[in-house]
Amino acid sequence: MNSICVYCGANFNGDPVLKQAIEDLAQALVDRQIELVYGGGSVGVMGLIADEVLGRKGRVVGVIPQFLMDKEVGHSEVSEMIITDNMHQRKKKMADIADGFIVLPGGFGTLEEFFEVLTWLQLGLHSKPIGVLNVDGYYDHLFAQMDVMVERKFLKPANRDLVINESNPAALLERMEGFQAAPDEVWFRDRNLT
């Protein structure tokens, strides 16, 4: 992997455990010479991960829509800033230029980005690894919901297993590097059968 897209919040709650995880992820990316691709913001978790990678002499590519640049939330010191017309173009560009995806704590936008690339993986539209850096159990309830989806037969176990769940950044990257996509597309044929 030469580049990883990180999805994360535009807010930061001051949690020192999360701050340490961001620092550790930045170091792990730089150690492996992996470029950070992210939403281009200077605030919240977004700003923190960009600053930590830049502070370690890593390369950071921001992708941000013009309306957010106009609100002066774009990071002025990234290695490269790509400005798009809208949010849809932003998400597509980020996905296109990344070799994998990591999800950090965030809100609605983070979840929306995560589930979009996860759905694309399930549909076979890409074969890139998707990892969740599950800091201090932040996403435990989300993974529990995925298990309910499998239990109630709305999600195939093979598709549930497409998501890599780790709390350690180095371990997450190691698992992502060995990822082989194996989505279960049987639902195209038997979606109405039990």
C-alpha atoms as a PDB file:
ATOM      1  CA  MET A   1       0.000   0.000   0.000  1.00  0.00           C
ATOM      2  CA  ASN A   2       1.392   3.367  -1.026  1.00  0.00           C
ATOM      3  CA  SER A   3      -1.510   5.496   0.190  1.00  0.00           C
ATOM      4  CA  ILE A   4      -4.310   5.143   2.709  1.00  0.00           C
ATOM      5  CA  CYS A   5      -7.458   7.206   2.947  1.00  0.00           C
ATOM      6  CA  VAL A   6      -8.380   7.991   6.547  1.00  0.00           C
ATOM      7  CA  TYR A   7     -11.994   8.777   7.376  1.00  0.00           C
ATOM      8  CA  CYS A   8     -12.421  10.625  10.663  1.00  0.00           C
ATOM      9  CA  GLY A   9     -14.249  13.360  12.493  1.00  0.00           C
ATOM     10  CA  ALA A  10     -14.087  17.099  11.956  1.00  0.00           C
ATOM     11  CA  ASN A  11     -14.369  17.342  15.753  1.00  0.00           C
ATOM     12  CA  PHE A  12     -11.999  16.212  18.485  1.00  0.00           C
ATOM     13  CA  ASN A  13     -13.243  15.480  21.983  1.00  0.00           C
ATOM     14  CA  GLY A  14      -9.904  15.967  23.746  1.00  0.00           C
ATOM     15  CA  ASP A  15      -9.557  12.261  24.597  1.00  0.00           C
ATOM     16  CA  PRO A  16      -5.868  11.525  25.342  1.00  0.00           C
ATOM     17  CA  VAL A  17      -6.327   7.866  24.329  1.00  0.00           C
ATOM     18  CA  LEU A  18      -7.564   8.965  20.901  1.00  0.00           C
ATOM     19  CA  LYS A  19      -4.755  11.529  20.619  1.00  0.00           C
ATOM     20  CA  GLN A  20      -2.186   8.788  21.307  1.00  0.00           C
ATOM     21  CA  ALA A  21      -3.814   6.503  18.734  1.00  0.00           C
ATOM     22  CA  ILE A  22      -3.633   9.287  16.133  1.00  0.00           C
ATOM     23  CA  GLU A  23       0.056   9.818  16.917  1.00  0.00           C
ATOM     24  CA  ASP A  24       0.723   6.070  16.704  1.00  0.00           C
ATOM     25  CA  LEU A  25      -1.119   5.787  13.391  1.00  0.00           C
ATOM     26  CA  ALA A  26       0.820   8.728  11.962  1.00  0.00           C
ATOM     27  CA  GLN A  27       4.094   7.113  12.995  1.00  0.00           C
ATOM     28  CA  ALA A  28       3.056   3.753  11.532  1.00  0.00           C
ATOM     29  CA  LEU A  29       2.140   5.401   8.212  1.00  0.00           C
ATOM     30  CA  VAL A  30       5.408   7.319   8.012  1.00  0.00           C
ATOM     31  CA  ASP A  31       7.470   4.263   9.020  1.00  0.00           C
ATOM     32  CA  ARG A  32       5.949   2.374   6.071  1.00  0.00           C
ATOM     33  CA  GLN A  33       6.195   5.377   3.724  1.00  0.00           C
ATOM     34  CA  ILE A  34       2.439   5.342   3.228  1.00  0.00           C
ATOM     35  CA  GLU A  35       0.902   8.605   2.041  1.00  0.00           C
ATOM     36  CA  LEU A  36      -2.089   9.934   3.991  1.00  0.00           C
ATOM     37  CA  VAL A  37      -5.157  10.816   1.933  1.00  0.00           C
ATOM     38  CA  TYR A  38      -7.851  12.569   3.947  1.00  0.00           C
ATOM     39  CA  GLY A  39     -10.641  15.145   3.798  1.00  0.00           C
ATOM     40  CA  GLY A  40      -8.340  18.165   3.713  1.00  0.00           C
ATOM     41  CA  GLY A  41      -9.540  19.799   6.920  1.00  0.00           C
ATOM     42  CA  SER A  42      -7.484  21.630   9.512  1.00  0.00           C
ATOM     43  CA  VAL A  43      -9.859  20.950  12.397  1.00  0.00           C
ATOM     44  CA  GLY A  44     -10.810  18.015  14.591  1.00  0.00           C
ATOM     45  CA  VAL A  45      -9.379  14.547  14.195  1.00  0.00           C
ATOM     46  CA  MET A  46      -8.797  15.384  10.532  1.00  0.00           C
ATOM     47  CA  GLY A  47      -6.464  18.229  11.399  1.00  0.00           C
ATOM     48  CA  LEU A  48      -4.696  16.170  14.051  1.00  0.00           C
ATOM     49  CA  ILE A  49      -3.867  13.221  11.788  1.00  0.00           C
ATOM     50  CA  ALA A  50      -2.627  15.567   9.051  1.00  0.00           C
ATOM     51  CA  ASP A  51      -0.467  17.526  11.499  1.00  0.00           C
ATOM     52  CA  GLU A  52       0.995  14.358  13.020  1.00  0.00           C
ATOM     53  CA  VAL A  53       1.939  12.899   9.630  1.00  0.00           C
ATOM     54  CA  LEU A  54       3.355  16.222   8.410  1.00  0.00           C
ATOM     55  CA  GLY A  55       5.297  16.653  11.660  1.00  0.00           C
ATOM     56  CA  ARG A  56       6.980  13.308  10.970  1.00  0.00           C
ATOM     57  CA  LYS A  57       7.899  14.395   7.415  1.00  0.00           C
ATOM     58  CA  GLY A  58       5.231  12.230   5.803  1.00  0.00           C
ATOM     59  CA  ARG A  59       3.254  13.107   2.707  1.00  0.00           C
ATOM     60  CA  VAL A  60      -0.363  14.284   3.097  1.00  0.00           C
ATOM     61  CA  VAL A  61      -2.912  14.760   0.323  1.00  0.00           C
ATOM     62  CA  GLY A  62      -6.072  16.630   1.241  1.00  0.00           C
ATOM     63  CA  VAL A  63      -9.251  16.409  -0.821  1.00  0.00           C
ATOM     64  CA  ILE A  64     -11.824  19.054  -0.028  1.00  0.00           C
ATOM     65  CA  PRO A  65     -14.830  20.617  -1.774  1.00  0.00           C
ATOM     66  CA  GLN A  66     -14.682  24.289  -2.666  1.00  0.00           C
ATOM     67  CA  PHE A  67     -17.462  25.271  -0.246  1.00  0.00           C
ATOM     68  CA  LEU A  68     -15.389  24.021   2.703  1.00  0.00           C
ATOM     69  CA  MET A  69     -12.301  25.833   1.426  1.00  0.00           C
ATOM     70  CA  ASP A  70     -14.462  28.960   1.283  1.00  0.00           C
ATOM     71  CA  LYS A  71     -15.265  28.460   4.975  1.00  0.00           C
ATOM     72  CA  GLU A  72     -11.499  28.447   5.679  1.00  0.00           C
ATOM     73  CA  VAL A  73     -11.399  24.945   7.138  1.00  0.00           C
ATOM     74  CA  GLY A  74      -8.875  23.638   4.582  1.00  0.00           C
ATOM     75  CA  HIS A  75      -5.411  22.739   5.845  1.00  0.00           C
ATOM     76  CA  SER A  76      -2.874  25.198   4.442  1.00  0.00           C
ATOM     77  CA  GLU A  77       0.250  23.071   4.941  1.00  0.00           C
ATOM     78  CA  VAL A  78      -0.570  19.727   3.314  1.00  0.00           C
ATOM     79  CA  SER A  79       1.739  18.327   0.650  1.00  0.00           C
ATOM     80  CA  GLU A  80      -1.013  18.534  -1.955  1.00  0.00           C
ATOM     81  CA  MET A  81      -4.568  19.877  -1.842  1.00  0.00           C
ATOM     82  CA  ILE A  82      -7.154  18.707  -4.356  1.00  0.00           C
ATOM     83  CA  ILE A  83     -10.254  20.897  -4.510  1.00  0.00           C
ATOM     84  CA  THR A  84     -13.467  19.382  -5.841  1.00  0.00           C
ATOM     85  CA  ASP A  85     -16.804  20.890  -6.835  1.00  0.00           C
ATOM     86  CA  ASN A  86     -18.846  18.903  -4.313  1.00  0.00           C
ATOM     87  CA  MET A  87     -18.878  16.169  -1.666  1.00  0.00           C
ATOM     88  CA  HIS A  88     -19.577  13.371  -4.159  1.00  0.00           C
ATOM     89  CA  GLN A  89     -16.506  14.260  -6.206  1.00  0.00           C
ATOM     90  CA  ARG A  90     -14.478  14.501  -3.003  1.00  0.00           C
ATOM     91  CA  LYS A  91     -15.402  10.992  -1.885  1.00  0.00           C
ATOM     92  CA  LYS A  92     -14.777   9.500  -5.320  1.00  0.00           C
ATOM     93  CA  LYS A  93     -11.389  11.172  -5.640  1.00  0.00           C
ATOM     94  CA  MET A  94     -10.306  10.024  -2.173  1.00  0.00           C
ATOM     95  CA  ALA A  95     -11.352   6.458  -2.960  1.00  0.00           C
ATOM     96  CA  ASP A  96      -9.685   6.492  -6.373  1.00  0.00           C
ATOM     97  CA  ILE A  97      -6.256   7.636  -5.172  1.00  0.00           C
ATOM     98  CA  ALA A  98      -6.053   5.453  -2.040  1.00  0.00           C
ATOM     99  CA  ASP A  99      -4.856   1.855  -1.814  1.00  0.00           C
ATOM    100  CA  GLY A 100      -6.848   1.226   1.368  1.00  0.00           C
ATOM    101  CA  PHE A 101      -9.089   2.862   3.964  1.00  0.00           C
ATOM    102  CA  ILE A 102      -8.870   3.390   7.712  1.00  0.00           C
ATOM    103  CA  VAL A 103     -11.766   4.570   9.844  1.00  0.00           C
ATOM    104  CA  LEU A 104     -11.035   6.587  12.983  1.00  0.00           C
ATOM    105  CA  PRO A 105     -13.659   7.863  15.432  1.00  0.00           C
ATOM    106  CA  GLY A 106     -16.070  10.339  13.902  1.00  0.00           C
ATOM    107  CA  GLY A 107     -19.730  11.115  13.363  1.00  0.00           C
ATOM    108  CA  PHE A 108     -22.296  10.752  10.599  1.00  0.00           C
ATOM    109  CA  GLY A 109     -19.929  11.768   7.810  1.00  0.00           C
ATOM    110  CA  THR A 110     -17.311   9.242   8.889  1.00  0.00           C
ATOM    111  CA  LEU A 111     -19.868   6.445   9.008  1.00  0.00           C
ATOM    112  CA  GLU A 112     -21.308   7.450   5.649  1.00  0.00           C
ATOM    113  CA  GLU A 113     -17.861   7.328   4.006  1.00  0.00           C
ATOM    114  CA  PHE A 114     -17.056   4.025   5.705  1.00  0.00           C
ATOM    115  CA  PHE A 115     -20.254   2.303   4.631  1.00  0.00           C
ATOM    116  CA  GLU A 116     -20.006   3.610   1.090  1.00  0.00           C
ATOM    117  CA  VAL A 117     -16.556   2.116   0.433  1.00  0.00           C
ATOM    118  CA  LEU A 118     -17.584  -1.035   2.336  1.00  0.00           C
ATOM    119  CA  THR A 119     -20.634  -1.420   0.108  1.00  0.00           C
ATOM    120  CA  TRP A 120     -18.435  -0.885  -2.958  1.00  0.00           C
ATOM    121  CA  LEU A 121     -16.125  -3.650  -1.703  1.00  0.00           C
ATOM    122  CA  GLN A 122     -19.099  -5.981  -1.156  1.00  0.00           C
ATOM    123  CA  LEU A 123     -20.260  -5.255  -4.709  1.00  0.00           C
ATOM    124  CA  GLY A 124     -16.811  -5.948  -6.132  1.00  0.00           C
ATOM    125  CA  LEU A 125     -16.280  -2.365  -7.304  1.00  0.00           C
ATOM    126  CA  HIS A 126     -12.861  -2.352  -5.611  1.00  0.00           C
ATOM    127  CA  SER A 127     -10.698  -4.840  -3.708  1.00  0.00           C
ATOM    128  CA  LYS A 128      -8.973  -2.457  -1.290  1.00  0.00           C
ATOM    129  CA  PRO A 129      -8.703  -3.246   2.430  1.00  0.00           C
ATOM    130  CA  ILE A 130     -10.894  -1.412   4.928  1.00  0.00           C
ATOM    131  CA  GLY A 131      -9.692  -1.184   8.503  1.00  0.00           C
ATOM    132  CA  VAL A 132     -11.342   0.260  11.585  1.00  0.00           C
ATOM    133  CA  LEU A 133      -8.988   1.655  14.203  1.00  0.00           C
ATOM    134  CA  ASN A 134     -11.293   0.832  17.080  1.00  0.00           C
ATOM    135  CA  VAL A 135      -9.884   3.231  19.684  1.00  0.00           C
ATOM    136  CA  ASP A 136     -10.983   2.407  23.238  1.00  0.00           C
ATOM    137  CA  GLY A 137     -13.948   0.376  21.959  1.00  0.00           C
ATOM    138  CA  TYR A 138     -15.457   3.329  20.072  1.00  0.00           C
ATOM    139  CA  TYR A 139     -16.905   1.079  17.361  1.00  0.00           C
ATOM    140  CA  ASP A 140     -17.810  -1.953  19.507  1.00  0.00           C
ATOM    141  CA  HIS A 141     -21.538  -1.222  19.234  1.00  0.00           C
ATOM    142  CA  LEU A 142     -21.258  -0.818  15.467  1.00  0.00           C
ATOM    143  CA  PHE A 143     -19.600  -4.220  15.166  1.00  0.00           C
ATOM    144  CA  ALA A 144     -22.288  -5.676  17.433  1.00  0.00           C
ATOM    145  CA  GLN A 145     -24.906  -4.274  15.037  1.00  0.00           C
ATOM    146  CA  MET A 146     -23.117  -5.939  12.119  1.00  0.00           C
ATOM    147  CA  ASP A 147     -23.322  -9.223  14.021  1.00  0.00           C
ATOM    148  CA  VAL A 148     -27.076  -8.706  14.433  1.00  0.00           C
ATOM    149  CA  MET A 149     -27.310  -8.120  10.677  1.00  0.00           C
ATOM    150  CA  VAL A 150     -25.606 -11.486  10.090  1.00  0.00           C
ATOM    151  CA  GLU A 151     -27.767 -13.224  12.699  1.00  0.00           C
ATOM    152  CA  ARG A 152     -30.939 -11.915  11.071  1.00  0.00           C
ATOM    153  CA  LYS A 153     -29.697 -12.787   7.572  1.00  0.00           C
ATOM    154  CA  PHE A 154     -29.381  -9.287   6.150  1.00  0.00           C
ATOM    155  CA  LEU A 155     -25.600  -9.626   5.875  1.00  0.00           C
ATOM    156  CA  LYS A 156     -23.525 -12.599   4.735  1.00  0.00           C
ATOM    157  CA  PRO A 157     -20.803 -13.680   7.190  1.00  0.00           C
ATOM    158  CA  ALA A 158     -18.183 -13.370   4.421  1.00  0.00           C
ATOM    159  CA  ASN A 159     -19.191  -9.749   3.884  1.00  0.00           C
ATOM    160  CA  ARG A 160     -19.150  -9.038   7.622  1.00  0.00           C
ATOM    161  CA  ASP A 161     -15.572 -10.350   7.601  1.00  0.00           C
ATOM    162  CA  LEU A 162     -14.500  -7.803   4.976  1.00  0.00           C
ATOM    163  CA  VAL A 163     -13.926  -5.228   7.749  1.00  0.00           C
ATOM    164  CA  ILE A 164     -10.659  -5.414   9.686  1.00  0.00           C
ATOM    165  CA  ASN A 165     -11.128  -4.441  13.339  1.00  0.00           C
ATOM    166  CA  GLU A 166      -8.007  -3.545  15.358  1.00  0.00           C
ATOM    167  CA  SER A 167      -7.159  -1.229  18.233  1.00  0.00           C
ATOM    168  CA  ASN A 168      -3.424  -1.046  17.419  1.00  0.00           C
ATOM    169  CA  PRO A 169      -2.389   0.986  14.345  1.00  0.00           C
ATOM    170  CA  ALA A 170       0.651  -1.140  13.429  1.00  0.00           C
ATOM    171  CA  ALA A 171      -1.360  -4.368  13.743  1.00  0.00           C
ATOM    172  CA  LEU A 172      -4.142  -2.830  11.650  1.00  0.00           C
ATOM    173  CA  LEU A 173      -1.745  -1.894   8.844  1.00  0.00           C
ATOM    174  CA  GLU A 174      -0.154  -5.342   8.935  1.00  0.00           C
ATOM    175  CA  ARG A 175      -3.535  -7.029   8.555  1.00  0.00           C
ATOM    176  CA  MET A 176      -4.522  -4.611   5.794  1.00  0.00           C
ATOM    177  CA  GLU A 177      -1.339  -5.398   3.857  1.00  0.00           C
ATOM    178  CA  GLY A 178      -2.287  -9.095   3.832  1.00  0.00           C
ATOM    179  CA  PHE A 179      -5.939  -8.501   2.898  1.00  0.00           C
ATOM    180  CA  GLN A 180      -7.514 -10.522   0.090  1.00  0.00           C
ATOM    181  CA  ALA A 181     -11.025  -9.464  -0.923  1.00  0.00           C
ATOM    182  CA  ALA A 182     -13.511 -12.328  -0.890  1.00  0.00           C
ATOM    183  CA  PRO A 183     -17.034 -10.842  -0.896  1.00  0.00           C
ATOM    184  CA  ASP A 184     -19.998 -13.190  -1.079  1.00  0.00           C
ATOM    185  CA  GLU A 185     -22.015 -12.098  -4.105  1.00  0.00           C
ATOM    186  CA  VAL A 186     -24.534 -14.934  -3.847  1.00  0.00           C
ATOM    187  CA  TRP A 187     -27.220 -12.398  -2.893  1.00  0.00           C
ATOM    188  CA  PHE A 188     -27.362 -11.394  -6.569  1.00  0.00           C
ATOM    189  CA  ARG A 189     -28.832 -14.844  -7.295  1.00  0.00           C
ATOM    190  CA  ASP A 190     -30.792 -15.844  -4.212  1.00  0.00           C
ATOM    191  CA  ARG A 191     -31.675 -12.605  -2.487  1.00  0.00           C
ATOM    192  CA  ASN A 192     -35.255 -13.687  -1.820  1.00  0.00           C
ATOM    193  CA  LEU A 193     -34.471 -17.189  -0.632  1.00  0.00           C
ATOM    194  CA  THR A 194     -33.938 -18.188   2.977  1.00  0.00           C
END
